[in-house]
Amino acid sequence: GKSGAFMFFTKDQRFLLKTMTKEDFNAWMKMFKSYFQHVNCFKESLLARVYGVYSIQMDDKEPVYL
């Protein structure tokens, strides 16, 4: 995409994974409760279903946000 994020499907093609910037990660963490409430109240919502947001860091490397 335009943001330079890396996107890929899981081996079984059921899920899409996408990297995000630290800023995107922080913004998501701020709006997570509202998002969760919305998709629970409006089962037919067209918003994409997010099953997890993760920060992964190995040794002294910069974290990767998914």
PDB file of N, CA and C in Angstrom:
ATOM      1  N   GLY A   1       0.803  -1.194   0.000  1.00  0.00           N
ATOM      2  CA  GLY A   1       0.000   0.000   0.000  1.00  0.00           C
ATOM      3  C   GLY A   1       0.842   1.253   0.000  1.00  0.00           C
ATOM      4  N   LYS A   2       0.192   2.366  -0.006  1.00  0.00           N
ATOM      5  CA  LYS A   2       0.859   3.660  -0.043  1.00  0.00           C
ATOM      6  C   LYS A   2       1.718   3.898   1.205  1.00  0.00           C
ATOM      7  N   SER A   3       1.294   3.313   2.332  1.00  0.00           N
ATOM      8  CA  SER A   3       2.010   3.516   3.594  1.00  0.00           C
ATOM      9  C   SER A   3       3.312   2.737   3.656  1.00  0.00           C
ATOM     10  N   GLY A   4       3.511   1.780   2.744  1.00  0.00           N
ATOM     11  CA  GLY A   4       4.707   0.949   2.784  1.00  0.00           C
ATOM     12  C   GLY A   4       4.561  -0.246   3.710  1.00  0.00           C
ATOM     13  N   ALA A   5       3.357  -0.467   4.204  1.00  0.00           N
ATOM     14  CA  ALA A   5       3.109  -1.597   5.095  1.00  0.00           C
ATOM     15  C   ALA A   5       3.244  -2.907   4.321  1.00  0.00           C
ATOM     16  N   PHE A   6       3.691  -3.919   5.008  1.00  0.00           N
ATOM     17  CA  PHE A   6       3.820  -5.246   4.428  1.00  0.00           C
ATOM     18  C   PHE A   6       2.558  -6.028   4.763  1.00  0.00           C
ATOM     19  N   MET A   7       1.920  -6.628   3.748  1.00  0.00           N
ATOM     20  CA  MET A   7       0.683  -7.377   3.970  1.00  0.00           C
ATOM     21  C   MET A   7       0.845  -8.779   3.391  1.00  0.00           C
ATOM     22  N   PHE A   8       0.330  -9.774   4.129  1.00  0.00           N
ATOM     23  CA  PHE A   8       0.385 -11.138   3.616  1.00  0.00           C
ATOM     24  C   PHE A   8      -0.728 -11.971   4.229  1.00  0.00           C
ATOM     25  N   PHE A   9      -1.121 -13.040   3.537  1.00  0.00           N
ATOM     26  CA  PHE A   9      -2.133 -13.964   4.024  1.00  0.00           C
ATOM     27  C   PHE A   9      -1.472 -15.111   4.777  1.00  0.00           C
ATOM     28  N   THR A  10      -2.216 -15.688   5.714  1.00  0.00           N
ATOM     29  CA  THR A  10      -1.750 -16.894   6.375  1.00  0.00           C
ATOM     30  C   THR A  10      -1.740 -18.028   5.358  1.00  0.00           C
ATOM     31  N   LYS A  11      -1.056 -19.104   5.691  1.00  0.00           N
ATOM     32  CA  LYS A  11      -0.912 -20.227   4.755  1.00  0.00           C
ATOM     33  C   LYS A  11      -2.261 -20.764   4.287  1.00  0.00           C
ATOM     34  N   ASP A  12      -3.259 -20.791   5.190  1.00  0.00           N
ATOM     35  CA  ASP A  12      -4.582 -21.315   4.825  1.00  0.00           C
ATOM     36  C   ASP A  12      -5.476 -20.264   4.157  1.00  0.00           C
ATOM     37  N   GLN A  13      -4.943 -19.058   3.941  1.00  0.00           N
ATOM     38  CA  GLN A  13      -5.664 -17.967   3.258  1.00  0.00           C
ATOM     39  C   GLN A  13      -6.858 -17.426   4.041  1.00  0.00           C
ATOM     40  N   ARG A  14      -6.950 -17.738   5.328  1.00  0.00           N
ATOM     41  CA  ARG A  14      -8.099 -17.290   6.122  1.00  0.00           C
ATOM     42  C   ARG A  14      -7.921 -15.899   6.714  1.00  0.00           C
ATOM     43  N   PHE A  15      -6.674 -15.490   6.942  1.00  0.00           N
ATOM     44  CA  PHE A  15      -6.429 -14.222   7.616  1.00  0.00           C
ATOM     45  C   PHE A  15      -5.398 -13.401   6.856  1.00  0.00           C
ATOM     46  N   LEU A  16      -5.551 -12.091   6.958  1.00  0.00           N
ATOM     47  CA  LEU A  16      -4.611 -11.146   6.362  1.00  0.00           C
ATOM     48  C   LEU A  16      -3.846 -10.490   7.502  1.00  0.00           C
ATOM     49  N   LEU A  17      -2.539 -10.481   7.420  1.00  0.00           N
ATOM     50  CA  LEU A  17      -1.703  -9.803   8.399  1.00  0.00           C
ATOM     51  C   LEU A  17      -1.101  -8.576   7.757  1.00  0.00           C
ATOM     52  N   LYS A  18      -0.945  -7.511   8.539  1.00  0.00           N
ATOM     53  CA  LYS A  18      -0.442  -6.247   8.005  1.00  0.00           C
ATOM     54  C   LYS A  18       0.448  -5.603   9.056  1.00  0.00           C
ATOM     55  N   THR A  19       1.593  -5.131   8.622  1.00  0.00           N
ATOM     56  CA  THR A  19       2.437  -4.375   9.539  1.00  0.00           C
ATOM     57  C   THR A  19       1.862  -2.970   9.685  1.00  0.00           C
ATOM     58  N   MET A  20       2.249  -2.306  10.764  1.00  0.00           N
ATOM     59  CA  MET A  20       1.802  -0.933  10.987  1.00  0.00           C
ATOM     60  C   MET A  20       2.912  -0.146  11.665  1.00  0.00           C
ATOM     61  N   THR A  21       2.809   1.148  11.571  1.00  0.00           N
ATOM     62  CA  THR A  21       3.790   2.010  12.233  1.00  0.00           C
ATOM     63  C   THR A  21       3.497   2.062  13.727  1.00  0.00           C
ATOM     64  N   LYS A  22       4.453   2.564  14.476  1.00  0.00           N
ATOM     65  CA  LYS A  22       4.253   2.741  15.913  1.00  0.00           C
ATOM     66  C   LYS A  22       3.094   3.707  16.166  1.00  0.00           C
ATOM     67  N   GLU A  23       2.990   4.731  15.327  1.00  0.00           N
ATOM     68  CA  GLU A  23       1.908   5.708  15.467  1.00  0.00           C
ATOM     69  C   GLU A  23       0.552   5.055  15.214  1.00  0.00           C
ATOM     70  N   ASP A  24       0.469   4.212  14.179  1.00  0.00           N
ATOM     71  CA  ASP A  24      -0.772   3.474  13.906  1.00  0.00           C
ATOM     72  C   ASP A  24      -1.125   2.572  15.085  1.00  0.00           C
ATOM     73  N   PHE A  25      -0.126   1.893  15.613  1.00  0.00           N
ATOM     74  CA  PHE A  25      -0.326   0.998  16.763  1.00  0.00           C
ATOM     75  C   PHE A  25      -0.882   1.771  17.958  1.00  0.00           C
ATOM     76  N   ASN A  26      -0.269   2.898  18.266  1.00  0.00           N
ATOM     77  CA  ASN A  26      -0.721   3.705  19.406  1.00  0.00           C
ATOM     78  C   ASN A  26      -2.138   4.232  19.187  1.00  0.00           C
ATOM     79  N   ALA A  27      -2.448   4.657  17.961  1.00  0.00           N
ATOM     80  CA  ALA A  27      -3.801   5.140  17.649  1.00  0.00           C
ATOM     81  C   ALA A  27      -4.808   4.011  17.828  1.00  0.00           C
ATOM     82  N   TRP A  28      -4.465   2.810  17.352  1.00  0.00           N
ATOM     83  CA  TRP A  28      -5.361   1.657  17.500  1.00  0.00           C
ATOM     84  C   TRP A  28      -5.621   1.370  18.973  1.00  0.00           C
ATOM     85  N   MET A  29      -4.585   1.404  19.791  1.00  0.00           N
ATOM     86  CA  MET A  29      -4.744   1.098  21.213  1.00  0.00           C
ATOM     87  C   MET A  29      -5.689   2.102  21.883  1.00  0.00           C
ATOM     88  N   LYS A  30      -5.694   3.341  21.410  1.00  0.00           N
ATOM     89  CA  LYS A  30      -6.584   4.361  21.979  1.00  0.00           C
ATOM     90  C   LYS A  30      -8.040   4.134  21.579  1.00  0.00           C
ATOM     91  N   MET A  31      -8.275   3.608  20.371  1.00  0.00           N
ATOM     92  CA  MET A  31      -9.653   3.468  19.904  1.00  0.00           C
ATOM     93  C   MET A  31     -10.203   2.052  20.025  1.00  0.00           C
ATOM     94  N   PHE A  32      -9.407   1.123  20.553  1.00  0.00           N
ATOM     95  CA  PHE A  32      -9.809  -0.277  20.604  1.00  0.00           C
ATOM     96  C   PHE A  32     -11.137  -0.508  21.315  1.00  0.00           C
ATOM     97  N   LYS A  33     -11.334   0.095  22.490  1.00  0.00           N
ATOM     98  CA  LYS A  33     -12.583  -0.123  23.243  1.00  0.00           C
ATOM     99  C   LYS A  33     -13.804   0.302  22.439  1.00  0.00           C
ATOM    100  N   SER A  34     -13.718   1.450  21.778  1.00  0.00           N
ATOM    101  CA  SER A  34     -14.846   1.928  20.964  1.00  0.00           C
ATOM    102  C   SER A  34     -15.103   0.998  19.783  1.00  0.00           C
ATOM    103  N   TYR A  35     -14.039   0.543  19.134  1.00  0.00           N
ATOM    104  CA  TYR A  35     -14.168  -0.395  18.013  1.00  0.00           C
ATOM    105  C   TYR A  35     -14.848  -1.675  18.481  1.00  0.00           C
ATOM    106  N   PHE A  36     -14.371  -2.233  19.577  1.00  0.00           N
ATOM    107  CA  PHE A  36     -14.911  -3.487  20.103  1.00  0.00           C
ATOM    108  C   PHE A  36     -16.396  -3.350  20.443  1.00  0.00           C
ATOM    109  N   GLN A  37     -16.765  -2.257  21.090  1.00  0.00           N
ATOM    110  CA  GLN A  37     -18.169  -2.020  21.419  1.00  0.00           C
ATOM    111  C   GLN A  37     -19.009  -1.922  20.148  1.00  0.00           C
ATOM    112  N   HIS A  38     -18.498  -1.234  19.145  1.00  0.00           N
ATOM    113  CA  HIS A  38     -19.247  -1.052  17.900  1.00  0.00           C
ATOM    114  C   HIS A  38     -19.512  -2.388  17.201  1.00  0.00           C
ATOM    115  N   VAL A  39     -18.455  -3.188  17.004  1.00  0.00           N
ATOM    116  CA  VAL A  39     -18.651  -4.441  16.270  1.00  0.00           C
ATOM    117  C   VAL A  39     -19.481  -5.439  17.060  1.00  0.00           C
ATOM    118  N   ASN A  40     -19.532  -5.298  18.386  1.00  0.00           N
ATOM    119  CA  ASN A  40     -20.397  -6.165  19.185  1.00  0.00           C
ATOM    120  C   ASN A  40     -21.852  -5.719  19.140  1.00  0.00           C
ATOM    121  N   CYS A  41     -22.089  -4.430  19.078  1.00  0.00           N
ATOM    122  CA  CYS A  41     -23.459  -3.912  19.024  1.00  0.00           C
ATOM    123  C   CYS A  41     -24.063  -4.019  17.624  1.00  0.00           C
ATOM    124  N   PHE A  42     -23.238  -3.868  16.596  1.00  0.00           N
ATOM    125  CA  PHE A  42     -23.705  -3.873  15.216  1.00  0.00           C
ATOM    126  C   PHE A  42     -23.085  -5.059  14.479  1.00  0.00           C
ATOM    127  N   LYS A  43     -23.693  -6.215  14.639  1.00  0.00           N
ATOM    128  CA  LYS A  43     -23.154  -7.466  14.074  1.00  0.00           C
ATOM    129  C   LYS A  43     -22.999  -7.411  12.562  1.00  0.00           C
ATOM    130  N   GLU A  44     -23.797  -6.602  11.874  1.00  0.00           N
ATOM    131  CA  GLU A  44     -23.724  -6.497  10.414  1.00  0.00           C
ATOM    132  C   GLU A  44     -22.811  -5.358   9.958  1.00  0.00           C
ATOM    133  N   SER A  45     -22.044  -4.768  10.878  1.00  0.00           N
ATOM    134  CA  SER A  45     -21.142  -3.670  10.532  1.00  0.00           C
ATOM    135  C   SER A  45     -20.181  -4.101   9.433  1.00  0.00           C
ATOM    136  N   LEU A  46     -19.873  -3.179   8.535  1.00  0.00           N
ATOM    137  CA  LEU A  46     -18.946  -3.458   7.443  1.00  0.00           C
ATOM    138  C   LEU A  46     -17.488  -3.227   7.836  1.00  0.00           C
ATOM    139  N   LEU A  47     -17.250  -2.824   9.081  1.00  0.00           N
ATOM    140  CA  LEU A  47     -15.864  -2.672   9.533  1.00  0.00           C
ATOM    141  C   LEU A  47     -15.173  -4.032   9.514  1.00  0.00           C
ATOM    142  N   ALA A  48     -13.916  -4.040   9.113  1.00  0.00           N
ATOM    143  CA  ALA A  48     -13.136  -5.279   9.121  1.00  0.00           C
ATOM    144  C   ALA A  48     -13.015  -5.795  10.552  1.00  0.00           C
ATOM    145  N   ARG A  49     -13.048  -7.101  10.701  1.00  0.00           N
ATOM    146  CA  ARG A  49     -12.891  -7.711  12.020  1.00  0.00           C
ATOM    147  C   ARG A  49     -11.402  -7.855  12.314  1.00  0.00           C
ATOM    148  N   VAL A  50     -10.968  -7.275  13.415  1.00  0.00           N
ATOM    149  CA  VAL A  50      -9.574  -7.341  13.843  1.00  0.00           C
ATOM    150  C   VAL A  50      -9.497  -8.377  14.960  1.00  0.00           C
ATOM    151  N   TYR A  51      -8.669  -9.389  14.758  1.00  0.00           N
ATOM    152  CA  TYR A  51      -8.559 -10.475  15.727  1.00  0.00           C
ATOM    153  C   TYR A  51      -7.351 -10.337  16.638  1.00  0.00           C
ATOM    154  N   GLY A  52      -6.507  -9.390  16.373  1.00  0.00           N
ATOM    155  CA  GLY A  52      -5.365  -9.163  17.243  1.00  0.00           C
ATOM    156  C   GLY A  52      -4.476  -8.063  16.718  1.00  0.00           C
ATOM    157  N   VAL A  53      -3.844  -7.351  17.626  1.00  0.00           N
ATOM    158  CA  VAL A  53      -2.856  -6.328  17.294  1.00  0.00           C
ATOM    159  C   VAL A  53      -1.674  -6.607  18.209  1.00  0.00           C
ATOM    160  N   TYR A  54      -0.497  -6.736  17.619  1.00  0.00           N
ATOM    161  CA  TYR A  54       0.658  -7.200  18.377  1.00  0.00           C
ATOM    162  C   TYR A  54       1.878  -6.333  18.151  1.00  0.00           C
ATOM    163  N   SER A  55       2.726  -6.313  19.158  1.00  0.00           N
ATOM    164  CA  SER A  55       4.048  -5.715  19.076  1.00  0.00           C
ATOM    165  C   SER A  55       5.038  -6.838  19.356  1.00  0.00           C
ATOM    166  N   ILE A  56       5.953  -7.066  18.411  1.00  0.00           N
ATOM    167  CA  ILE A  56       6.935  -8.136  18.553  1.00  0.00           C
ATOM    168  C   ILE A  56       8.327  -7.519  18.521  1.00  0.00           C
ATOM    169  N   GLN A  57       9.143  -7.875  19.525  1.00  0.00           N
ATOM    170  CA  GLN A  57      10.501  -7.344  19.567  1.00  0.00           C
ATOM    171  C   GLN A  57      11.460  -8.481  19.887  1.00  0.00           C
ATOM    172  N   MET A  58      12.537  -8.540  19.130  1.00  0.00           N
ATOM    173  CA  MET A  58      13.555  -9.568  19.330  1.00  0.00           C
ATOM    174  C   MET A  58      14.873  -8.898  19.686  1.00  0.00           C
ATOM    175  N   ASP A  59      15.441  -9.342  20.784  1.00  0.00           N
ATOM    176  CA  ASP A  59      16.726  -8.832  21.258  1.00  0.00           C
ATOM    177  C   ASP A  59      16.741  -7.302  21.274  1.00  0.00           C
ATOM    178  N   ASP A  60      17.752  -6.719  20.638  1.00  0.00           N
ATOM    179  CA  ASP A  60      17.888  -5.251  20.651  1.00  0.00           C
ATOM    180  C   ASP A  60      17.320  -4.596  19.400  1.00  0.00           C
ATOM    181  N   LYS A  61      16.535  -5.317  18.624  1.00  0.00           N
ATOM    182  CA  LYS A  61      15.930  -4.785  17.397  1.00  0.00           C
ATOM    183  C   LYS A  61      14.725  -3.889  17.733  1.00  0.00           C
ATOM    184  N   GLU A  62      14.366  -3.040  16.785  1.00  0.00           N
ATOM    185  CA  GLU A  62      13.156  -2.220  16.918  1.00  0.00           C
ATOM    186  C   GLU A  62      11.936  -3.121  16.880  1.00  0.00           C
ATOM    187  N   PRO A  63      10.885  -2.815  17.630  1.00  0.00           N
ATOM    188  CA  PRO A  63       9.686  -3.656  17.577  1.00  0.00           C
ATOM    189  C   PRO A  63       8.993  -3.571  16.220  1.00  0.00           C
ATOM    190  N   VAL A  64       8.323  -4.653  15.866  1.00  0.00           N
ATOM    191  CA  VAL A  64       7.502  -4.707  14.666  1.00  0.00           C
ATOM    192  C   VAL A  64       6.051  -4.771  15.146  1.00  0.00           C
ATOM    193  N   TYR A  65       5.194  -3.957  14.568  1.00  0.00           N
ATOM    194  CA  TYR A  65       3.791  -3.902  14.969  1.00  0.00           C
ATOM    195  C   TYR A  65       2.936  -4.556  13.893  1.00  0.00           C
ATOM    196  N   LEU A  66       2.075  -5.470  14.320  1.00  0.00           N
ATOM    197  CA  LEU A  66       1.199  -6.200  13.409  1.00  0.00           C
ATOM    198  C   LEU A  66      -0.232  -6.008  13.821  1.00  0.00           C
TER     199      LEU A  66
END
